[in-house]
C-alpha cells in the first residue's frame, strides 16, 4: 500500500536546500518518492510501507531544516 505524507518545511530557499532534504530522506527504507519545493515549503514523502514519522523529521533536521506534518 502506497502512502503519501505531507510536511511543511521552514528554512528552505533554493534548489540546494531541496537537494539536501531529498538526499537525507532517500536514505529512509521504504521511501519511493520525494517531492520537495523551496518555493512553497512543501514536502511530500511517498512510501510503500509504514515509515516512522520521526525518521522523516530527523532526516529533515539532519539536512539543516525544520519540518512539521501538515
N, C-alpha and C. Protein backbone atom coordinates (compact mmCIF):
# COMPACT_ATOMS: atom_id res chain seq x y z
N UNK A 1 0.83 -1.18 0.00
CA UNK A 1 0.00 0.00 0.00
C UNK A 1 0.88 1.26 0.00
N UNK A 2 0.65 2.13 -0.94
CA UNK A 2 1.42 3.36 -1.04
C UNK A 2 0.74 4.46 -0.23
N UNK A 3 1.55 5.19 0.52
CA UNK A 3 1.04 6.28 1.35
C UNK A 3 1.89 7.53 1.10
N UNK A 4 1.22 8.69 1.00
CA UNK A 4 1.93 9.96 0.87
C UNK A 4 1.61 10.82 2.09
N UNK A 5 2.65 11.31 2.72
CA UNK A 5 2.52 12.17 3.89
C UNK A 5 3.13 13.52 3.56
N UNK A 6 2.43 14.60 3.92
CA UNK A 6 2.92 15.94 3.62
C UNK A 6 3.43 16.63 4.88
N UNK A 7 4.47 17.44 4.66
CA UNK A 7 5.09 18.20 5.74
C UNK A 7 5.29 19.64 5.28
N UNK A 8 5.38 20.54 6.24
CA UNK A 8 5.73 21.93 5.95
C UNK A 8 7.15 22.12 6.48
N UNK A 9 8.05 22.56 5.60
CA UNK A 9 9.45 22.72 5.96
C UNK A 9 9.78 24.20 6.01
N UNK A 10 10.51 24.61 7.04
CA UNK A 10 10.94 26.00 7.15
C UNK A 10 12.44 26.09 6.94
N UNK A 11 12.87 27.19 6.34
CA UNK A 11 14.29 27.45 6.17
C UNK A 11 14.82 27.19 4.77
N UNK A 12 14.02 26.58 3.90
CA UNK A 12 14.49 26.33 2.54
C UNK A 12 14.40 27.61 1.70
N UNK A 13 15.40 27.80 0.82
CA UNK A 13 15.36 28.98 -0.03
C UNK A 13 15.79 28.74 -1.47
N UNK A 14 16.28 27.51 -1.76
CA UNK A 14 16.81 27.29 -3.11
C UNK A 14 16.84 25.80 -3.46
N UNK A 15 17.29 25.52 -4.66
CA UNK A 15 17.40 24.15 -5.13
C UNK A 15 18.36 23.31 -4.31
N UNK A 16 19.41 23.93 -3.80
CA UNK A 16 20.36 23.20 -2.95
C UNK A 16 19.66 22.69 -1.70
N UNK A 17 18.78 23.51 -1.14
CA UNK A 17 18.01 23.12 0.04
C UNK A 17 17.17 21.88 -0.28
N UNK A 18 16.50 21.92 -1.42
CA UNK A 18 15.67 20.79 -1.85
C UNK A 18 16.51 19.52 -1.99
N UNK A 19 17.68 19.65 -2.59
CA UNK A 19 18.57 18.50 -2.80
C UNK A 19 19.04 17.93 -1.47
N UNK A 20 19.38 18.79 -0.53
CA UNK A 20 19.86 18.33 0.78
C UNK A 20 18.78 17.50 1.48
N UNK A 21 17.55 17.98 1.44
CA UNK A 21 16.44 17.25 2.06
C UNK A 21 16.18 15.95 1.32
N UNK A 22 16.14 16.02 0.00
CA UNK A 22 15.89 14.82 -0.80
C UNK A 22 16.95 13.73 -0.52
N UNK A 23 18.20 14.14 -0.41
CA UNK A 23 19.29 13.20 -0.14
C UNK A 23 19.10 12.50 1.20
N UNK A 24 18.78 13.25 2.24
CA UNK A 24 18.62 12.66 3.57
C UNK A 24 17.40 11.73 3.61
N UNK A 25 16.29 12.15 3.05
CA UNK A 25 15.07 11.34 3.11
C UNK A 25 15.18 10.09 2.25
N UNK A 26 15.93 10.16 1.17
CA UNK A 26 16.06 9.00 0.30
C UNK A 26 16.75 7.83 0.99
N UNK A 27 17.43 8.08 2.11
CA UNK A 27 18.11 7.02 2.85
C UNK A 27 17.16 6.24 3.76
N UNK A 28 15.93 6.70 3.92
CA UNK A 28 14.96 6.02 4.77
C UNK A 28 14.37 4.83 4.01
N UNK A 29 14.48 3.62 4.56
CA UNK A 29 13.92 2.45 3.89
C UNK A 29 12.41 2.59 3.70
N UNK A 30 11.94 2.24 2.50
CA UNK A 30 10.51 2.30 2.21
C UNK A 30 10.08 3.53 1.45
N UNK A 31 10.93 4.56 1.40
CA UNK A 31 10.58 5.79 0.68
C UNK A 31 10.71 5.53 -0.83
N UNK A 32 9.64 5.82 -1.57
CA UNK A 32 9.63 5.57 -3.01
C UNK A 32 9.63 6.86 -3.83
N UNK A 33 9.18 7.98 -3.22
CA UNK A 33 9.16 9.25 -3.96
C UNK A 33 9.24 10.41 -2.98
N UNK A 34 9.92 11.46 -3.40
CA UNK A 34 10.09 12.65 -2.57
C UNK A 34 9.81 13.87 -3.44
N UNK A 35 8.85 14.67 -3.03
CA UNK A 35 8.54 15.91 -3.75
C UNK A 35 8.75 17.05 -2.77
N UNK A 36 9.73 17.89 -3.05
CA UNK A 36 10.05 18.98 -2.13
C UNK A 36 10.16 20.28 -2.91
N UNK A 37 9.62 21.36 -2.35
CA UNK A 37 9.63 22.67 -3.02
C UNK A 37 10.07 23.76 -2.06
N UNK A 38 11.17 24.40 -2.39
CA UNK A 38 11.64 25.53 -1.59
C UNK A 38 10.67 26.70 -1.71
N UNK A 39 10.03 26.85 -2.85
CA UNK A 39 9.11 27.97 -3.08
C UNK A 39 7.90 27.91 -2.16
N UNK A 40 7.39 26.71 -1.92
CA UNK A 40 6.18 26.57 -1.10
C UNK A 40 6.47 26.04 0.30
N UNK A 41 7.66 25.49 0.49
CA UNK A 41 8.00 24.88 1.77
C UNK A 41 7.34 23.52 1.95
N UNK A 42 6.81 22.97 0.88
CA UNK A 42 6.07 21.71 0.95
C UNK A 42 7.00 20.53 0.70
N UNK A 43 6.79 19.49 1.49
CA UNK A 43 7.49 18.23 1.32
C UNK A 43 6.46 17.12 1.34
N UNK A 44 6.46 16.29 0.30
CA UNK A 44 5.59 15.12 0.25
C UNK A 44 6.46 13.89 0.13
N UNK A 45 6.27 12.96 1.06
CA UNK A 45 7.06 11.73 1.08
C UNK A 45 6.12 10.56 0.81
N UNK A 46 6.40 9.82 -0.25
CA UNK A 46 5.60 8.65 -0.61
C UNK A 46 6.38 7.40 -0.21
N UNK A 47 5.67 6.48 0.45
CA UNK A 47 6.30 5.25 0.92
C UNK A 47 5.48 4.03 0.50
N UNK A 48 6.15 2.90 0.41
CA UNK A 48 5.45 1.66 0.07
C UNK A 48 5.27 0.75 1.27
N UNK A 49 5.70 1.24 2.44
CA UNK A 49 5.48 0.55 3.70
C UNK A 49 5.47 1.60 4.80
N UNK A 50 4.96 1.26 5.99
CA UNK A 50 4.92 2.26 7.06
C UNK A 50 6.32 2.79 7.39
N UNK A 51 6.41 4.11 7.49
CA UNK A 51 7.67 4.76 7.84
C UNK A 51 7.41 5.62 9.07
N UNK A 52 8.27 5.51 10.04
CA UNK A 52 8.13 6.28 11.27
C UNK A 52 8.29 7.77 10.97
N UNK A 53 7.29 8.55 11.34
CA UNK A 53 7.34 10.00 11.09
C UNK A 53 8.57 10.64 11.71
N UNK A 54 9.01 10.14 12.85
CA UNK A 54 10.20 10.73 13.49
C UNK A 54 11.43 10.55 12.62
N UNK A 55 11.48 9.49 11.80
CA UNK A 55 12.61 9.28 10.89
C UNK A 55 12.64 10.37 9.82
N UNK A 56 11.46 10.73 9.31
CA UNK A 56 11.37 11.78 8.30
C UNK A 56 11.78 13.12 8.91
N UNK A 57 11.24 13.43 10.08
CA UNK A 57 11.57 14.70 10.74
C UNK A 57 13.06 14.76 11.09
N UNK A 58 13.64 13.64 11.50
CA UNK A 58 15.07 13.60 11.81
C UNK A 58 15.91 13.81 10.56
N UNK A 59 15.47 13.26 9.43
CA UNK A 59 16.19 13.43 8.17
C UNK A 59 16.18 14.89 7.73
N UNK A 60 15.04 15.55 7.89
CA UNK A 60 14.94 16.98 7.55
C UNK A 60 15.86 17.78 8.47
N UNK A 61 15.86 17.43 9.75
CA UNK A 61 16.72 18.10 10.72
C UNK A 61 18.19 17.89 10.36
N UNK A 62 18.54 16.69 9.96
CA UNK A 62 19.92 16.37 9.58
C UNK A 62 20.36 17.21 8.38
N UNK A 63 19.40 17.53 7.51
CA UNK A 63 19.69 18.36 6.33
C UNK A 63 19.82 19.84 6.72
N UNK A 64 19.41 20.18 7.96
CA UNK A 64 19.58 21.55 8.44
C UNK A 64 18.29 22.38 8.42
N UNK A 65 17.14 21.70 8.38
CA UNK A 65 15.87 22.41 8.31
C UNK A 65 14.91 21.85 9.34
N UNK A 66 13.78 22.50 9.50
CA UNK A 66 12.76 22.05 10.45
C UNK A 66 11.48 21.74 9.68
N UNK A 67 10.75 20.72 10.14
CA UNK A 67 9.52 20.34 9.47
C UNK A 67 8.46 19.96 10.48
N UNK A 68 7.21 20.15 10.08
CA UNK A 68 6.06 19.68 10.85
C UNK A 68 5.11 19.01 9.87
N UNK A 69 4.41 18.00 10.34
CA UNK A 69 3.44 17.34 9.47
C UNK A 69 2.28 18.29 9.22
N UNK A 70 1.85 18.36 7.96
CA UNK A 70 0.76 19.28 7.62
C UNK A 70 -0.52 18.53 7.34
